[in-house]
Amino acid sequence: MTTKHYDYDILVIGAGQGGLPAAHMAANLGARVALIEEREVGGT
């Protein structure tokens, strides 16, 4: 089995009202961001 390595500065869980803007702002500031959402991006 192969192990995968992921290298992020910030992990945002939930792409709702707060998560999506937080991930976007961190990315604009140069952070490597991973965003995890169970269903669809956006909403409340």
PDB file of N, CA and C in Angstrom:
ATOM      1  N   MET A   1       0.843  -1.174   0.000  1.00  0.00           N
ATOM      2  CA  MET A   1       0.000   0.000   0.000  1.00  0.00           C
ATOM      3  C   MET A   1       0.896   1.246   0.000  1.00  0.00           C
ATOM      4  N   THR A   2       0.512   2.241  -0.779  1.00  0.00           N
ATOM      5  CA  THR A   2       1.267   3.489  -0.886  1.00  0.00           C
ATOM      6  C   THR A   2       0.662   4.537   0.044  1.00  0.00           C
ATOM      7  N   THR A   3       1.517   5.220   0.791  1.00  0.00           N
ATOM      8  CA  THR A   3       1.071   6.293   1.664  1.00  0.00           C
ATOM      9  C   THR A   3       1.197   7.614   0.928  1.00  0.00           C
ATOM     10  N   LYS A   4       0.141   8.404   0.952  1.00  0.00           N
ATOM     11  CA  LYS A   4       0.161   9.711   0.312  1.00  0.00           C
ATOM     12  C   LYS A   4       0.467  10.771   1.360  1.00  0.00           C
ATOM     13  N   HIS A   5       1.230  11.764   0.964  1.00  0.00           N
ATOM     14  CA  HIS A   5       1.590  12.854   1.863  1.00  0.00           C
ATOM     15  C   HIS A   5       0.994  14.146   1.323  1.00  0.00           C
ATOM     16  N   TYR A   6       0.263  14.832   2.170  1.00  0.00           N
ATOM     17  CA  TYR A   6      -0.331  16.104   1.803  1.00  0.00           C
ATOM     18  C   TYR A   6       0.295  17.183   2.672  1.00  0.00           C
ATOM     19  N   ASP A   7       0.627  18.312   2.085  1.00  0.00           N
ATOM     20  CA  ASP A   7       1.297  19.380   2.811  1.00  0.00           C
ATOM     21  C   ASP A   7       0.494  20.669   2.708  1.00  0.00           C
ATOM     22  N   TYR A   8      -0.231  20.991   3.783  1.00  0.00           N
ATOM     23  CA  TYR A   8      -1.050  22.200   3.845  1.00  0.00           C
ATOM     24  C   TYR A   8      -0.660  23.005   5.070  1.00  0.00           C
ATOM     25  N   ASP A   9      -0.893  24.299   5.022  1.00  0.00           N
ATOM     26  CA  ASP A   9      -0.689  25.154   6.181  1.00  0.00           C
ATOM     27  C   ASP A   9      -1.947  25.209   7.043  1.00  0.00           C
ATOM     28  N   ILE A  10      -3.092  25.169   6.388  1.00  0.00           N
ATOM     29  CA  ILE A  10      -4.375  25.317   7.085  1.00  0.00           C
ATOM     30  C   ILE A  10      -5.374  24.309   6.540  1.00  0.00           C
ATOM     31  N   LEU A  11      -6.125  23.698   7.447  1.00  0.00           N
ATOM     32  CA  LEU A  11      -7.219  22.807   7.080  1.00  0.00           C
ATOM     33  C   LEU A  11      -8.510  23.435   7.577  1.00  0.00           C
ATOM     34  N   VAL A  12      -9.425  23.732   6.655  1.00  0.00           N
ATOM     35  CA  VAL A  12     -10.714  24.326   7.004  1.00  0.00           C
ATOM     36  C   VAL A  12     -11.766  23.240   6.841  1.00  0.00           C
ATOM     37  N   ILE A  13     -12.519  23.003   7.910  1.00  0.00           N
ATOM     38  CA  ILE A  13     -13.579  21.993   7.856  1.00  0.00           C
ATOM     39  C   ILE A  13     -14.909  22.721   7.772  1.00  0.00           C
ATOM     40  N   GLY A  14     -15.592  22.534   6.667  1.00  0.00           N
ATOM     41  CA  GLY A  14     -16.877  23.173   6.433  1.00  0.00           C
ATOM     42  C   GLY A  14     -16.740  24.385   5.529  1.00  0.00           C
ATOM     43  N   ALA A  15     -17.478  24.385   4.436  1.00  0.00           N
ATOM     44  CA  ALA A  15     -17.397  25.464   3.454  1.00  0.00           C
ATOM     45  C   ALA A  15     -18.660  26.307   3.470  1.00  0.00           C
ATOM     46  N   GLY A  16     -19.156  26.551   4.651  1.00  0.00           N
ATOM     47  CA  GLY A  16     -20.371  27.360   4.779  1.00  0.00           C
ATOM     48  C   GLY A  16     -20.060  28.835   4.885  1.00  0.00           C
ATOM     49  N   GLN A  17     -20.867  29.519   5.672  1.00  0.00           N
ATOM     50  CA  GLN A  17     -20.835  30.966   5.782  1.00  0.00           C
ATOM     51  C   GLN A  17     -19.493  31.499   6.288  1.00  0.00           C
ATOM     52  N   GLY A  18     -18.793  30.764   7.121  1.00  0.00           N
ATOM     53  CA  GLY A  18     -17.503  31.219   7.641  1.00  0.00           C
ATOM     54  C   GLY A  18     -16.310  30.515   7.026  1.00  0.00           C
ATOM     55  N   GLY A  19     -16.472  29.239   6.704  1.00  0.00           N
ATOM     56  CA  GLY A  19     -15.347  28.437   6.227  1.00  0.00           C
ATOM     57  C   GLY A  19     -14.828  28.846   4.861  1.00  0.00           C
ATOM     58  N   LEU A  20     -15.706  29.100   3.941  1.00  0.00           N
ATOM     59  CA  LEU A  20     -15.291  29.468   2.588  1.00  0.00           C
ATOM     60  C   LEU A  20     -14.537  30.801   2.568  1.00  0.00           C
ATOM     61  N   PRO A  21     -15.050  31.854   3.208  1.00  0.00           N
ATOM     62  CA  PRO A  21     -14.286  33.102   3.240  1.00  0.00           C
ATOM     63  C   PRO A  21     -12.951  32.957   3.978  1.00  0.00           C
ATOM     64  N   ALA A  22     -12.920  32.159   5.041  1.00  0.00           N
ATOM     65  CA  ALA A  22     -11.671  31.955   5.778  1.00  0.00           C
ATOM     66  C   ALA A  22     -10.634  31.263   4.906  1.00  0.00           C
ATOM     67  N   ALA A  23     -11.052  30.248   4.165  1.00  0.00           N
ATOM     68  CA  ALA A  23     -10.141  29.537   3.275  1.00  0.00           C
ATOM     69  C   ALA A  23      -9.649  30.454   2.163  1.00  0.00           C
ATOM     70  N   HIS A  24     -10.530  31.251   1.621  1.00  0.00           N
ATOM     71  CA  HIS A  24     -10.181  32.175   0.546  1.00  0.00           C
ATOM     72  C   HIS A  24      -9.183  33.226   1.031  1.00  0.00           C
ATOM     73  N   MET A  25      -9.436  33.777   2.213  1.00  0.00           N
ATOM     74  CA  MET A  25      -8.545  34.796   2.758  1.00  0.00           C
ATOM     75  C   MET A  25      -7.158  34.209   3.042  1.00  0.00           C
ATOM     76  N   ALA A  26      -7.119  33.027   3.629  1.00  0.00           N
ATOM     77  CA  ALA A  26      -5.831  32.387   3.927  1.00  0.00           C
ATOM     78  C   ALA A  26      -5.057  32.102   2.647  1.00  0.00           C
ATOM     79  N   ALA A  27      -5.747  31.659   1.612  1.00  0.00           N
ATOM     80  CA  ALA A  27      -5.086  31.391   0.332  1.00  0.00           C
ATOM     81  C   ALA A  27      -4.546  32.684  -0.278  1.00  0.00           C
ATOM     82  N   ASN A  28      -5.301  33.763  -0.174  1.00  0.00           N
ATOM     83  CA  ASN A  28      -4.844  35.058  -0.696  1.00  0.00           C
ATOM     84  C   ASN A  28      -3.621  35.573   0.047  1.00  0.00           C
ATOM     85  N   LEU A  29      -3.467  35.170   1.299  1.00  0.00           N
ATOM     86  CA  LEU A  29      -2.311  35.569   2.096  1.00  0.00           C
ATOM     87  C   LEU A  29      -1.118  34.638   1.904  1.00  0.00           C
ATOM     88  N   GLY A  30      -1.285  33.635   1.045  1.00  0.00           N
ATOM     89  CA  GLY A  30      -0.173  32.767   0.701  1.00  0.00           C
ATOM     90  C   GLY A  30      -0.154  31.408   1.368  1.00  0.00           C
ATOM     91  N   ALA A  31      -1.156  31.096   2.163  1.00  0.00           N
ATOM     92  CA  ALA A  31      -1.205  29.798   2.833  1.00  0.00           C
ATOM     93  C   ALA A  31      -1.665  28.719   1.849  1.00  0.00           C
ATOM     94  N   ARG A  32      -1.189  27.513   2.073  1.00  0.00           N
ATOM     95  CA  ARG A  32      -1.673  26.353   1.319  1.00  0.00           C
ATOM     96  C   ARG A  32      -2.847  25.795   2.094  1.00  0.00           C
ATOM     97  N   VAL A  33      -4.033  25.849   1.500  1.00  0.00           N
ATOM     98  CA  VAL A  33      -5.282  25.583   2.211  1.00  0.00           C
ATOM     99  C   VAL A  33      -5.961  24.337   1.659  1.00  0.00           C
ATOM    100  N   ALA A  34      -6.441  23.507   2.573  1.00  0.00           N
ATOM    101  CA  ALA A  34      -7.305  22.387   2.214  1.00  0.00           C
ATOM    102  C   ALA A  34      -8.678  22.679   2.802  1.00  0.00           C
ATOM    103  N   LEU A  35      -9.704  22.518   1.995  1.00  0.00           N
ATOM    104  CA  LEU A  35     -11.081  22.786   2.417  1.00  0.00           C
ATOM    105  C   LEU A  35     -11.869  21.497   2.303  1.00  0.00           C
ATOM    106  N   ILE A  36     -12.476  21.077   3.403  1.00  0.00           N
ATOM    107  CA  ILE A  36     -13.239  19.827   3.428  1.00  0.00           C
ATOM    108  C   ILE A  36     -14.712  20.153   3.630  1.00  0.00           C
ATOM    109  N   GLU A  37     -15.555  19.631   2.756  1.00  0.00           N
ATOM    110  CA  GLU A  37     -16.996  19.840   2.847  1.00  0.00           C
ATOM    111  C   GLU A  37     -17.687  18.537   2.504  1.00  0.00           C
ATOM    112  N   GLU A  38     -18.672  18.173   3.284  1.00  0.00           N
ATOM    113  CA  GLU A  38     -19.375  16.910   3.084  1.00  0.00           C
ATOM    114  C   GLU A  38     -20.304  16.935   1.869  1.00  0.00           C
ATOM    115  N   ARG A  39     -20.990  18.046   1.676  1.00  0.00           N
ATOM    116  CA  ARG A  39     -21.982  18.101   0.603  1.00  0.00           C
ATOM    117  C   ARG A  39     -21.574  19.073  -0.488  1.00  0.00           C
ATOM    118  N   GLU A  40     -22.122  20.278  -0.478  1.00  0.00           N
ATOM    119  CA  GLU A  40     -21.779  21.257  -1.510  1.00  0.00           C
ATOM    120  C   GLU A  40     -21.260  22.536  -0.869  1.00  0.00           C
ATOM    121  N   VAL A  41     -20.438  23.243  -1.596  1.00  0.00           N
ATOM    122  CA  VAL A  41     -19.789  24.445  -1.077  1.00  0.00           C
ATOM    123  C   VAL A  41     -20.775  25.596  -1.027  1.00  0.00           C
ATOM    124  N   GLY A  42     -20.752  26.338   0.082  1.00  0.00           N
ATOM    125  CA  GLY A  42     -21.644  27.479   0.266  1.00  0.00           C
ATOM    126  C   GLY A  42     -22.862  27.133   1.073  1.00  0.00           C
ATOM    127  N   GLY A  43     -23.611  28.135   1.420  1.00  0.00           N
ATOM    128  CA  GLY A  43     -24.819  27.916   2.201  1.00  0.00           C
ATOM    129  C   GLY A  43     -24.608  28.185   3.666  1.00  0.00           C
ATOM    130  N   THR A  44     -25.584  27.783   4.475  1.00  0.00           N
ATOM    131  CA  THR A  44     -25.482  28.001   5.925  1.00  0.00           C
ATOM    132  C   THR A  44     -25.694  26.695   6.660  1.00  0.00           C
TER     133      THR A  44
END
